[in-house]
Amino acid sequence: MSVFDKFLAGWSFRGSRPDYAAGDVLEVMVTGEDGGGHVARIGDSTLQIEGAPDDAINTRIIVDVESWDDSAHAGRATYRKTVGESAF
């Protein structure tokens, strides 16, 4: 094994389309509203969030993923609790 191979051991690229599964618990940033509901964008993926407070935009929240479509990189989640505000 070369020094270069040793240096790069364990490295991988992170994609812009993460995959989740029903039952996953995530901390996300609410980035806007879409059709009356709140939305979190994670890379090129989106989560529609049900039950978030009216003032949830630009806050960090914990959600439970209810469903996920791998081909569309979109899903639905349920609000659990607010954990912080935006850094900007």
PDB file of N, CA and C in Angstrom:
ATOM      1  N   MET A   1       0.858  -1.176   0.000  1.00  0.00           N
ATOM      2  CA  MET A   1       0.000   0.000   0.000  1.00  0.00           C
ATOM      3  C   MET A   1       0.902   1.238   0.000  1.00  0.00           C
ATOM      4  N   SER A   2       0.614   2.135  -0.914  1.00  0.00           N
ATOM      5  CA  SER A   2       1.421   3.352  -1.008  1.00  0.00           C
ATOM      6  C   SER A   2       1.035   4.355   0.074  1.00  0.00           C
ATOM      7  N   VAL A   3       1.875   5.330   0.262  1.00  0.00           N
ATOM      8  CA  VAL A   3       1.596   6.397   1.225  1.00  0.00           C
ATOM      9  C   VAL A   3       0.310   7.125   0.831  1.00  0.00           C
ATOM     10  N   PHE A   4       0.115   7.336  -0.471  1.00  0.00           N
ATOM     11  CA  PHE A   4      -1.087   8.008  -0.965  1.00  0.00           C
ATOM     12  C   PHE A   4      -2.339   7.191  -0.629  1.00  0.00           C
ATOM     13  N   ASP A   5      -2.280   5.864  -0.834  1.00  0.00           N
ATOM     14  CA  ASP A   5      -3.415   5.000  -0.494  1.00  0.00           C
ATOM     15  C   ASP A   5      -3.705   5.040   0.998  1.00  0.00           C
ATOM     16  N   LYS A   6      -2.681   5.069   1.804  1.00  0.00           N
ATOM     17  CA  LYS A   6      -2.867   5.147   3.253  1.00  0.00           C
ATOM     18  C   LYS A   6      -3.505   6.478   3.643  1.00  0.00           C
ATOM     19  N   PHE A   7      -3.084   7.536   2.985  1.00  0.00           N
ATOM     20  CA  PHE A   7      -3.629   8.864   3.278  1.00  0.00           C
ATOM     21  C   PHE A   7      -5.123   8.927   2.947  1.00  0.00           C
ATOM     22  N   LEU A   8      -5.525   8.309   1.845  1.00  0.00           N
ATOM     23  CA  LEU A   8      -6.920   8.366   1.412  1.00  0.00           C
ATOM     24  C   LEU A   8      -7.782   7.236   1.973  1.00  0.00           C
ATOM     25  N   ALA A   9      -7.239   6.360   2.768  1.00  0.00           N
ATOM     26  CA  ALA A   9      -7.999   5.241   3.336  1.00  0.00           C
ATOM     27  C   ALA A   9      -9.188   5.753   4.143  1.00  0.00           C
ATOM     28  N   GLY A  10     -10.351   5.221   3.842  1.00  0.00           N
ATOM     29  CA  GLY A  10     -11.561   5.597   4.576  1.00  0.00           C
ATOM     30  C   GLY A  10     -12.278   6.821   4.054  1.00  0.00           C
ATOM     31  N   TRP A  11     -11.709   7.511   3.079  1.00  0.00           N
ATOM     32  CA  TRP A  11     -12.365   8.687   2.519  1.00  0.00           C
ATOM     33  C   TRP A  11     -13.458   8.261   1.562  1.00  0.00           C
ATOM     34  N   SER A  12     -14.534   9.037   1.521  1.00  0.00           N
ATOM     35  CA  SER A  12     -15.595   8.830   0.538  1.00  0.00           C
ATOM     36  C   SER A  12     -16.239  10.172   0.246  1.00  0.00           C
ATOM     37  N   PHE A  13     -16.928  10.233  -0.869  1.00  0.00           N
ATOM     38  CA  PHE A  13     -17.617  11.462  -1.242  1.00  0.00           C
ATOM     39  C   PHE A  13     -19.043  11.416  -0.728  1.00  0.00           C
ATOM     40  N   ARG A  14     -19.495  12.551  -0.263  1.00  0.00           N
ATOM     41  CA  ARG A  14     -20.869  12.671   0.200  1.00  0.00           C
ATOM     42  C   ARG A  14     -21.713  13.174  -0.952  1.00  0.00           C
ATOM     43  N   GLY A  15     -22.814  12.505  -1.232  1.00  0.00           N
ATOM     44  CA  GLY A  15     -23.697  12.906  -2.316  1.00  0.00           C
ATOM     45  C   GLY A  15     -24.615  14.033  -1.908  1.00  0.00           C
ATOM     46  N   SER A  16     -25.211  14.675  -2.877  1.00  0.00           N
ATOM     47  CA  SER A  16     -26.149  15.761  -2.593  1.00  0.00           C
ATOM     48  C   SER A  16     -27.577  15.241  -2.471  1.00  0.00           C
ATOM     49  N   ARG A  17     -27.752  13.928  -2.585  1.00  0.00           N
ATOM     50  CA  ARG A  17     -29.079  13.319  -2.460  1.00  0.00           C
ATOM     51  C   ARG A  17     -29.043  12.193  -1.426  1.00  0.00           C
ATOM     52  N   PRO A  18     -29.106  12.555  -0.159  1.00  0.00           N
ATOM     53  CA  PRO A  18     -29.067  11.516   0.876  1.00  0.00           C
ATOM     54  C   PRO A  18     -30.329  10.660   0.842  1.00  0.00           C
ATOM     55  N   ASP A  19     -30.228   9.444   1.343  1.00  0.00           N
ATOM     56  CA  ASP A  19     -31.374   8.545   1.423  1.00  0.00           C
ATOM     57  C   ASP A  19     -31.718   8.303   2.881  1.00  0.00           C
ATOM     58  N   TYR A  20     -32.999   8.287   3.168  1.00  0.00           N
ATOM     59  CA  TYR A  20     -33.489   8.040   4.508  1.00  0.00           C
ATOM     60  C   TYR A  20     -34.519   6.924   4.443  1.00  0.00           C
ATOM     61  N   ALA A  21     -34.978   6.490   5.590  1.00  0.00           N
ATOM     62  CA  ALA A  21     -35.999   5.447   5.670  1.00  0.00           C
ATOM     63  C   ALA A  21     -37.017   5.839   6.725  1.00  0.00           C
ATOM     64  N   ALA A  22     -38.222   5.306   6.586  1.00  0.00           N
ATOM     65  CA  ALA A  22     -39.250   5.554   7.590  1.00  0.00           C
ATOM     66  C   ALA A  22     -38.727   5.112   8.946  1.00  0.00           C
ATOM     67  N   GLY A  23     -38.937   5.953   9.950  1.00  0.00           N
ATOM     68  CA  GLY A  23     -38.457   5.671  11.294  1.00  0.00           C
ATOM     69  C   GLY A  23     -37.173   6.396  11.655  1.00  0.00           C
ATOM     70  N   ASP A  24     -36.466   6.951  10.657  1.00  0.00           N
ATOM     71  CA  ASP A  24     -35.257   7.715  10.955  1.00  0.00           C
ATOM     72  C   ASP A  24     -35.621   8.982  11.716  1.00  0.00           C
ATOM     73  N   VAL A  25     -34.784   9.374  12.656  1.00  0.00           N
ATOM     74  CA  VAL A  25     -34.949  10.620  13.398  1.00  0.00           C
ATOM     75  C   VAL A  25     -33.829  11.543  12.949  1.00  0.00           C
ATOM     76  N   LEU A  26     -34.200  12.759  12.487  1.00  0.00           N
ATOM     77  CA  LEU A  26     -33.228  13.693  11.933  1.00  0.00           C
ATOM     78  C   LEU A  26     -33.330  15.055  12.593  1.00  0.00           C
ATOM     79  N   GLU A  27     -32.206  15.760  12.628  1.00  0.00           N
ATOM     80  CA  GLU A  27     -32.204  17.174  12.988  1.00  0.00           C
ATOM     81  C   GLU A  27     -32.048  17.934  11.681  1.00  0.00           C
ATOM     82  N   VAL A  28     -33.018  18.787  11.356  1.00  0.00           N
ATOM     83  CA  VAL A  28     -33.026  19.496  10.075  1.00  0.00           C
ATOM     84  C   VAL A  28     -33.287  20.977  10.295  1.00  0.00           C
ATOM     85  N   MET A  29     -32.981  21.766   9.277  1.00  0.00           N
ATOM     86  CA  MET A  29     -33.277  23.194   9.267  1.00  0.00           C
ATOM     87  C   MET A  29     -34.513  23.409   8.395  1.00  0.00           C
ATOM     88  N   VAL A  30     -35.524  24.037   8.944  1.00  0.00           N
ATOM     89  CA  VAL A  30     -36.717  24.356   8.163  1.00  0.00           C
ATOM     90  C   VAL A  30     -36.366  25.540   7.274  1.00  0.00           C
ATOM     91  N   THR A  31     -36.460  25.334   5.956  1.00  0.00           N
ATOM     92  CA  THR A  31     -35.997  26.355   5.017  1.00  0.00           C
ATOM     93  C   THR A  31     -37.118  27.136   4.354  1.00  0.00           C
ATOM     94  N   GLY A  32     -38.350  26.715   4.497  1.00  0.00           N
ATOM     95  CA  GLY A  32     -39.435  27.457   3.868  1.00  0.00           C
ATOM     96  C   GLY A  32     -40.764  26.760   3.993  1.00  0.00           C
ATOM     97  N   GLU A  33     -41.729  27.258   3.210  1.00  0.00           N
ATOM     98  CA  GLU A  33     -43.066  26.681   3.153  1.00  0.00           C
ATOM     99  C   GLU A  33     -43.367  26.294   1.716  1.00  0.00           C
ATOM    100  N   ASP A  34     -44.157  25.245   1.571  1.00  0.00           N
ATOM    101  CA  ASP A  34     -44.532  24.778   0.246  1.00  0.00           C
ATOM    102  C   ASP A  34     -45.960  24.253   0.323  1.00  0.00           C
ATOM    103  N   GLY A  35     -46.870  24.964  -0.304  1.00  0.00           N
ATOM    104  CA  GLY A  35     -48.261  24.526  -0.270  1.00  0.00           C
ATOM    105  C   GLY A  35     -48.879  24.564   1.113  1.00  0.00           C
ATOM    106  N   GLY A  36     -48.429  25.477   1.947  1.00  0.00           N
ATOM    107  CA  GLY A  36     -48.997  25.620   3.282  1.00  0.00           C
ATOM    108  C   GLY A  36     -48.262  24.852   4.355  1.00  0.00           C
ATOM    109  N   GLY A  37     -47.406  23.894   3.982  1.00  0.00           N
ATOM    110  CA  GLY A  37     -46.647  23.131   4.969  1.00  0.00           C
ATOM    111  C   GLY A  37     -45.190  23.561   4.972  1.00  0.00           C
ATOM    112  N   HIS A  38     -44.482  23.195   6.007  1.00  0.00           N
ATOM    113  CA  HIS A  38     -43.067  23.533   6.114  1.00  0.00           C
ATOM    114  C   HIS A  38     -42.214  22.517   5.368  1.00  0.00           C
ATOM    115  N   VAL A  39     -41.049  22.979   4.902  1.00  0.00           N
ATOM    116  CA  VAL A  39     -40.140  22.156   4.113  1.00  0.00           C
ATOM    117  C   VAL A  39     -38.731  22.279   4.663  1.00  0.00           C
ATOM    118  N   ALA A  40     -38.030  21.138   4.686  1.00  0.00           N
ATOM    119  CA  ALA A  40     -36.595  21.115   4.984  1.00  0.00           C
ATOM    120  C   ALA A  40     -35.897  20.605   3.735  1.00  0.00           C
ATOM    121  N   ARG A  41     -34.869  21.325   3.299  1.00  0.00           N
ATOM    122  CA  ARG A  41     -34.091  20.900   2.131  1.00  0.00           C
ATOM    123  C   ARG A  41     -32.734  20.411   2.617  1.00  0.00           C
ATOM    124  N   ILE A  42     -32.390  19.201   2.207  1.00  0.00           N
ATOM    125  CA  ILE A  42     -31.126  18.587   2.599  1.00  0.00           C
ATOM    126  C   ILE A  42     -30.432  18.205   1.298  1.00  0.00           C
ATOM    127  N   GLY A  43     -29.461  19.020   0.883  1.00  0.00           N
ATOM    128  CA  GLY A  43     -28.874  18.815  -0.440  1.00  0.00           C
ATOM    129  C   GLY A  43     -29.939  19.044  -1.492  1.00  0.00           C
ATOM    130  N   ASP A  44     -30.110  18.080  -2.388  1.00  0.00           N
ATOM    131  CA  ASP A  44     -31.155  18.166  -3.409  1.00  0.00           C
ATOM    132  C   ASP A  44     -32.435  17.459  -2.981  1.00  0.00           C
ATOM    133  N   SER A  45     -32.497  16.986  -1.748  1.00  0.00           N
ATOM    134  CA  SER A  45     -33.653  16.262  -1.230  1.00  0.00           C
ATOM    135  C   SER A  45     -34.541  17.206  -0.420  1.00  0.00           C
ATOM    136  N   THR A  46     -35.826  16.852  -0.335  1.00  0.00           N
ATOM    137  CA  THR A  46     -36.760  17.670   0.446  1.00  0.00           C
ATOM    138  C   THR A  46     -37.588  16.796   1.374  1.00  0.00           C
ATOM    139  N   LEU A  47     -37.932  17.376   2.518  1.00  0.00           N
ATOM    140  CA  LEU A  47     -38.834  16.746   3.476  1.00  0.00           C
ATOM    141  C   LEU A  47     -39.994  17.690   3.736  1.00  0.00           C
ATOM    142  N   GLN A  48     -41.210  17.232   3.527  1.00  0.00           N
ATOM    143  CA  GLN A  48     -42.409  17.969   3.900  1.00  0.00           C
ATOM    144  C   GLN A  48     -42.652  17.671   5.374  1.00  0.00           C
ATOM    145  N   ILE A  49     -42.781  18.709   6.185  1.00  0.00           N
ATOM    146  CA  ILE A  49     -42.883  18.524   7.635  1.00  0.00           C
ATOM    147  C   ILE A  49     -44.291  18.858   8.102  1.00  0.00           C
ATOM    148  N   GLU A  50     -44.906  17.897   8.760  1.00  0.00           N
ATOM    149  CA  GLU A  50     -46.253  18.082   9.305  1.00  0.00           C
ATOM    150  C   GLU A  50     -46.170  18.397  10.789  1.00  0.00           C
ATOM    151  N   GLY A  51     -47.002  19.320  11.246  1.00  0.00           N
ATOM    152  CA  GLY A  51     -47.106  19.617  12.663  1.00  0.00           C
ATOM    153  C   GLY A  51     -46.110  20.620  13.211  1.00  0.00           C
ATOM    154  N   ALA A  52     -45.319  21.247  12.345  1.00  0.00           N
ATOM    155  CA  ALA A  52     -44.345  22.238  12.822  1.00  0.00           C
ATOM    156  C   ALA A  52     -45.068  23.523  13.223  1.00  0.00           C
ATOM    157  N   PRO A  53     -44.550  24.243  14.212  1.00  0.00           N
ATOM    158  CA  PRO A  53     -45.160  25.512  14.612  1.00  0.00           C
ATOM    159  C   PRO A  53     -45.137  26.522  13.457  1.00  0.00           C
ATOM    160  N   ASP A  54     -46.025  27.503  13.518  1.00  0.00           N
ATOM    161  CA  ASP A  54     -46.113  28.516  12.455  1.00  0.00           C
ATOM    162  C   ASP A  54     -44.813  29.281  12.267  1.00  0.00           C
ATOM    163  N   ASP A  55     -44.056  29.494  13.333  1.00  0.00           N
ATOM    164  CA  ASP A  55     -42.822  30.281  13.257  1.00  0.00           C
ATOM    165  C   ASP A  55     -41.577  29.398  13.099  1.00  0.00           C
ATOM    166  N   ALA A  56     -41.713  28.238  12.492  1.00  0.00           N
ATOM    167  CA  ALA A  56     -40.611  27.268  12.402  1.00  0.00           C
ATOM    168  C   ALA A  56     -39.578  27.583  11.325  1.00  0.00           C
ATOM    169  N   ILE A  57     -39.870  28.493  10.406  1.00  0.00           N
ATOM    170  CA  ILE A  57     -38.913  28.785   9.340  1.00  0.00           C
ATOM    171  C   ILE A  57     -37.621  29.338   9.941  1.00  0.00           C
ATOM    172  N   ASN A  58     -36.488  28.848   9.435  1.00  0.00           N
ATOM    173  CA  ASN A  58     -35.144  29.204   9.895  1.00  0.00           C
ATOM    174  C   ASN A  58     -34.859  28.746  11.324  1.00  0.00           C
ATOM    175  N   THR A  59     -35.462  27.630  11.716  1.00  0.00           N
ATOM    176  CA  THR A  59     -35.130  27.021  12.996  1.00  0.00           C
ATOM    177  C   THR A  59     -34.690  25.581  12.767  1.00  0.00           C
ATOM    178  N   ARG A  60     -33.899  25.060  13.706  1.00  0.00           N
ATOM    179  CA  ARG A  60     -33.494  23.658  13.671  1.00  0.00           C
ATOM    180  C   ARG A  60     -34.508  22.863  14.479  1.00  0.00           C
ATOM    181  N   ILE A  61     -34.968  21.757  13.894  1.00  0.00           N
ATOM    182  CA  ILE A  61     -35.963  20.934  14.568  1.00  0.00           C
ATOM    183  C   ILE A  61     -35.580  19.458  14.456  1.00  0.00           C
ATOM    184  N   ILE A  62     -36.181  18.666  15.310  1.00  0.00           N
ATOM    185  CA  ILE A  62     -36.057  17.209  15.246  1.00  0.00           C
ATOM    186  C   ILE A  62     -37.344  16.691  14.602  1.00  0.00           C
ATOM    187  N   VAL A  63     -37.204  15.784  13.631  1.00  0.00           N
ATOM    188  CA  VAL A  63     -38.363  15.194  12.947  1.00  0.00           C
ATOM    189  C   VAL A  63     -38.234  13.680  12.902  1.00  0.00           C
ATOM    190  N   ASP A  64     -39.371  13.020  12.768  1.00  0.00           N
ATOM    191  CA  ASP A  64     -39.438  11.580  12.514  1.00  0.00           C
ATOM    192  C   ASP A  64     -39.815  11.405  11.048  1.00  0.00           C
ATOM    193  N   VAL A  65     -38.995  10.697  10.279  1.00  0.00           N
ATOM    194  CA  VAL A  65     -39.307  10.436   8.873  1.00  0.00           C
ATOM    195  C   VAL A  65     -40.438   9.417   8.821  1.00  0.00           C
ATOM    196  N   GLU A  66     -41.521   9.786   8.142  1.00  0.00           N
ATOM    197  CA  GLU A  66     -42.688   8.903   8.015  1.00  0.00           C
ATOM    198  C   GLU A  66     -42.628   8.086   6.731  1.00  0.00           C
ATOM    199  N   SER A  67     -42.173   8.724   5.643  1.00  0.00           N
ATOM    200  CA  SER A  67     -42.056   8.016   4.360  1.00  0.00           C
ATOM    201  C   SER A  67     -40.936   8.657   3.561  1.00  0.00           C
ATOM    202  N   TRP A  68     -40.352   7.859   2.658  1.00  0.00           N
ATOM    203  CA  TRP A  68     -39.254   8.346   1.833  1.00  0.00           C
ATOM    204  C   TRP A  68     -39.317   7.697   0.465  1.00  0.00           C
ATOM    205  N   ASP A  69     -39.220   8.504  -0.596  1.00  0.00           N
ATOM    206  CA  ASP A  69     -39.209   8.016  -1.973  1.00  0.00           C
ATOM    207  C   ASP A  69     -37.791   8.169  -2.513  1.00  0.00           C
ATOM    208  N   ASP A  70     -37.071   7.042  -2.668  1.00  0.00           N
ATOM    209  CA  ASP A  70     -35.679   7.083  -3.129  1.00  0.00           C
ATOM    210  C   ASP A  70     -35.545   7.677  -4.518  1.00  0.00           C
ATOM    211  N   SER A  71     -36.495   7.396  -5.394  1.00  0.00           N
ATOM    212  CA  SER A  71     -36.363   7.873  -6.778  1.00  0.00           C
ATOM    213  C   SER A  71     -36.587   9.378  -6.884  1.00  0.00           C
ATOM    214  N   ALA A  72     -37.455   9.932  -6.055  1.00  0.00           N
ATOM    215  CA  ALA A  72     -37.735  11.375  -6.090  1.00  0.00           C
ATOM    216  C   ALA A  72     -36.882  12.148  -5.089  1.00  0.00           C
ATOM    217  N   HIS A  73     -36.213  11.442  -4.193  1.00  0.00           N
ATOM    218  CA  HIS A  73     -35.431  12.072  -3.122  1.00  0.00           C
ATOM    219  C   HIS A  73     -36.273  13.069  -2.344  1.00  0.00           C
ATOM    220  N   ALA A  74     -37.452  12.599  -1.966  1.00  0.00           N
ATOM    221  CA  ALA A  74     -38.398  13.435  -1.224  1.00  0.00           C
ATOM    222  C   ALA A  74     -39.125  12.558  -0.209  1.00  0.00           C
ATOM    223  N   GLY A  75     -39.589  13.185   0.859  1.00  0.00           N
ATOM    224  CA  GLY A  75     -40.303  12.423   1.868  1.00  0.00           C
ATOM    225  C   GLY A  75     -41.172  13.293   2.738  1.00  0.00           C
ATOM    226  N   ARG A  76     -41.810  12.637   3.700  1.00  0.00           N
ATOM    227  CA  ARG A  76     -42.672  13.314   4.655  1.00  0.00           C
ATOM    228  C   ARG A  76     -42.143  13.005   6.055  1.00  0.00           C
ATOM    229  N   ALA A  77     -42.238  14.003   6.919  1.00  0.00           N
ATOM    230  CA  ALA A  77     -41.767  13.841   8.291  1.00  0.00           C
ATOM    231  C   ALA A  77     -42.727  14.531   9.241  1.00  0.00           C
ATOM    232  N   THR A  78     -42.671  14.125  10.501  1.00  0.00           N
ATOM    233  CA  THR A  78     -43.504  14.703  11.544  1.00  0.00           C
ATOM    234  C   THR A  78     -42.617  15.447  12.534  1.00  0.00           C
ATOM    235  N   TYR A  79     -43.030  16.663  12.856  1.00  0.00           N
ATOM    236  CA  TYR A  79     -42.320  17.508  13.819  1.00  0.00           C
ATOM    237  C   TYR A  79     -42.289  16.839  15.180  1.00  0.00           C
ATOM    238  N   ARG A  80     -41.127  16.875  15.825  1.00  0.00           N
ATOM    239  CA  ARG A  80     -40.988  16.355  17.181  1.00  0.00           C
ATOM    240  C   ARG A  80     -40.733  17.489  18.169  1.00  0.00           C
ATOM    241  N   LYS A  81     -39.648  18.295  17.934  1.00  0.00           N
ATOM    242  CA  LYS A  81     -39.378  19.428  18.827  1.00  0.00           C
ATOM    243  C   LYS A  81     -38.395  20.385  18.164  1.00  0.00           C
ATOM    244  N   THR A  82     -38.380  21.624  18.638  1.00  0.00           N
ATOM    245  CA  THR A  82     -37.443  22.642  18.175  1.00  0.00           C
ATOM    246  C   THR A  82     -36.192  22.563  19.047  1.00  0.00           C
ATOM    247  N   VAL A  83     -35.015  22.622  18.385  1.00  0.00           N
ATOM    248  CA  VAL A  83     -33.762  22.512  19.138  1.00  0.00           C
ATOM    249  C   VAL A  83     -32.875  23.738  18.999  1.00  0.00           C
ATOM    250  N   GLY A  84     -33.206  24.661  18.109  1.00  0.00           N
ATOM    251  CA  GLY A  84     -32.363  25.846  17.979  1.00  0.00           C
ATOM    252  C   GLY A  84     -32.839  26.757  16.881  1.00  0.00           C
ATOM    253  N   GLU A  85     -32.114  27.861  16.737  1.00  0.00           N
ATOM    254  CA  GLU A  85     -32.415  28.842  15.703  1.00  0.00           C
ATOM    255  C   GLU A  85     -31.325  28.852  14.673  1.00  0.00           C
ATOM    256  N   SER A  86     -31.568  29.578  13.605  1.00  0.00           N
ATOM    257  CA  SER A  86     -30.598  29.695  12.532  1.00  0.00           C
ATOM    258  C   SER A  86     -29.346  30.423  12.990  1.00  0.00           C
ATOM    259  N   ALA A  87     -28.257  30.104  12.348  1.00  0.00           N
ATOM    260  CA  ALA A  87     -26.995  30.791  12.643  1.00  0.00           C
ATOM    261  C   ALA A  87     -26.825  32.046  11.816  1.00  0.00           C
ATOM    262  N   PHE A  88     -27.742  32.306  10.888  1.00  0.00           N
ATOM    263  CA  PHE A  88     -27.629  33.507  10.061  1.00  0.00           C
ATOM    264  C   PHE A  88     -28.757  34.450  10.304  1.00  0.00           C
TER     265      PHE A  88
END
